Amino acid sequence: MPWNENDYPASMKNLPQQVREKAIEIANALLDENYDEGRAIAIAIDRARSSVGKGHGNDEERSVYHLQPKEDGEGWQLVKKKGEHSILSDHTKEGLSDKAKDYVKEHDGILIIHRADGSEEKRLYEN
């Protein structure tokens, strides 16, 4: 079944409109070529981000955010890469996690979640 602007995969819901429109177009073309649905979606999102260009979801141009412990050890913070100030903060990682995910999705960014020791735990929203 072809997708459209009103009916598309959930993984495309947080893409900027231009990127989503292109991803839908590409995914439909891949389905016509008998690609598996899951693979068609992943490829379409990647290609759409690349083709729409700067400022519209291209991973090289997307902002990177870090969910990390505060330097003083008193809680957790969300900071933009190379940023000096907290965008969001909370006493616990769990308390900040959902708010940070929502913020990063709204800004079409990449989220890097850190462990208490500062090491990287996982990355979200890269594709």
Protein backbone atom coordinates (compact mmCIF):
# COMPACT_ATOMS: atom_id res chain seq x y z
CA MET A 1 0.00 0.00 0.00
CA PRO A 2 1.55 3.35 -1.00
CA TRP A 3 2.09 5.97 1.68
CA ASN A 4 1.04 9.61 1.53
CA GLU A 5 1.17 12.76 3.69
CA ASN A 6 -1.73 11.52 5.81
CA ASP A 7 -0.70 7.89 6.10
CA TYR A 8 3.00 7.11 6.49
CA PRO A 9 5.28 4.99 8.72
CA ALA A 10 5.57 6.08 12.34
CA SER A 11 9.35 6.38 11.97
CA MET A 12 8.78 9.32 9.60
CA LYS A 13 6.54 11.27 11.96
CA ASN A 14 9.28 13.46 13.48
CA LEU A 15 11.02 14.29 10.23
CA PRO A 16 10.82 17.86 8.94
CA GLN A 17 8.01 18.14 6.39
CA GLN A 18 10.29 18.42 3.33
CA VAL A 19 12.31 15.40 4.39
CA ARG A 20 9.17 13.39 5.18
CA GLU A 21 7.63 14.19 1.79
CA LYS A 22 10.80 13.08 0.00
CA ALA A 23 11.09 9.96 2.19
CA ILE A 24 7.51 8.97 1.35
CA GLU A 25 8.23 9.40 -2.35
CA ILE A 26 11.42 7.34 -2.17
CA ALA A 27 9.87 4.62 0.03
CA ASN A 28 6.97 4.19 -2.39
CA ALA A 29 9.41 3.83 -5.29
CA LEU A 30 11.41 1.22 -3.37
CA LEU A 31 8.26 -0.74 -2.57
CA ASP A 32 7.45 -0.73 -6.28
CA GLU A 33 10.87 -2.33 -6.78
CA ASN A 34 9.89 -5.08 -4.29
CA TYR A 35 12.06 -3.92 -1.39
CA ASP A 36 11.09 -5.19 2.05
CA GLU A 37 8.99 -2.54 3.84
CA GLY A 38 11.39 -2.05 6.76
CA ARG A 39 14.38 -1.73 4.51
CA ALA A 40 12.53 0.63 2.15
CA ILE A 41 11.71 2.93 5.06
CA ALA A 42 15.28 3.06 6.37
CA ILE A 43 16.77 3.67 2.93
CA ALA A 44 14.13 6.29 2.11
CA ILE A 45 14.78 8.29 5.28
CA ASP A 46 18.53 8.22 4.72
CA ARG A 47 18.25 9.25 1.06
CA ALA A 48 15.67 11.93 1.82
CA ARG A 49 17.89 13.54 4.44
CA SER A 50 20.78 13.57 1.99
CA SER A 51 18.80 14.87 -0.96
CA VAL A 52 16.86 17.61 0.80
CA GLY A 53 20.13 19.03 2.06
CA LYS A 54 21.48 21.37 4.66
CA GLY A 55 19.20 22.25 7.51
CA HIS A 56 16.60 19.65 6.62
CA GLY A 57 17.78 16.48 8.25
CA ASN A 58 21.13 15.69 6.64
CA ASP A 59 23.04 13.92 9.46
CA GLU A 60 26.17 15.99 8.82
CA GLU A 61 24.15 19.15 9.44
CA ARG A 62 21.99 17.95 12.32
CA SER A 63 22.63 19.23 15.81
CA VAL A 64 24.05 16.77 18.32
CA TYR A 65 22.79 16.83 21.90
CA HIS A 66 24.20 15.08 24.96
CA LEU A 67 22.22 13.75 27.92
CA GLN A 68 24.96 13.69 30.51
CA PRO A 69 25.73 14.11 34.19
CA LYS A 70 26.30 17.67 35.37
CA GLU A 71 29.90 18.58 36.06
CA ASP A 72 29.20 19.10 39.75
CA GLY A 73 27.65 15.61 39.95
CA GLU A 74 24.32 17.04 41.10
CA GLY A 75 21.87 15.75 38.52
CA TRP A 76 21.66 15.42 34.74
CA GLN A 77 21.55 17.86 31.86
CA LEU A 78 20.85 18.11 28.15
CA VAL A 79 23.45 20.16 26.31
CA LYS A 80 24.03 20.88 22.65
CA LYS A 81 27.40 19.75 21.33
CA LYS A 82 29.97 22.43 22.13
CA GLY A 83 27.34 24.21 24.21
CA GLU A 84 28.19 25.70 27.55
CA HIS A 85 24.70 25.90 29.05
CA SER A 86 22.13 23.29 29.95
CA ILE A 87 19.05 23.26 27.76
CA LEU A 88 17.18 21.04 30.22
CA SER A 89 18.11 19.53 33.56
CA ASP A 90 16.73 17.20 36.24
CA HIS A 91 17.88 15.47 39.39
CA THR A 92 17.76 12.04 37.73
CA LYS A 93 18.63 10.63 34.33
CA GLU A 94 15.24 8.94 34.14
CA GLY A 95 13.48 12.19 34.97
CA LEU A 96 15.22 13.99 32.15
CA SER A 97 15.21 11.24 29.55
CA ASP A 98 11.70 11.65 28.07
CA LYS A 99 11.93 15.45 28.06
CA ALA A 100 15.33 15.29 26.34
CA LYS A 101 14.07 12.83 23.71
CA ASP A 102 11.09 15.06 22.91
CA TYR A 103 13.29 18.15 22.66
CA VAL A 104 15.82 16.47 20.36
CA LYS A 105 13.09 15.02 18.12
CA GLU A 106 11.45 18.46 17.81
CA HIS A 107 14.81 19.91 16.74
CA ASP A 108 15.60 16.99 14.38
CA GLY A 109 18.81 16.32 16.26
CA ILE A 110 20.89 13.35 17.28
CA LEU A 111 20.85 12.39 20.96
CA ILE A 112 23.83 10.81 22.67
CA ILE A 113 23.00 9.36 26.07
CA HIS A 114 25.85 8.99 28.53
CA ARG A 115 26.39 6.81 31.59
CA ALA A 116 27.09 8.27 35.02
CA ASP A 117 30.84 7.92 34.38
CA GLY A 118 30.50 10.07 31.24
CA SER A 119 31.02 7.26 28.72
CA GLU A 120 28.63 6.90 25.80
CA GLU A 121 25.72 4.53 26.41
CA LYS A 122 23.75 4.88 23.14
CA ARG A 123 22.82 7.16 20.23
CA LEU A 124 19.29 7.93 19.13
CA TYR A 125 17.64 9.45 16.06
CA GLU A 126 20.56 9.05 13.68
CA ASN A 127 18.34 7.63 10.94
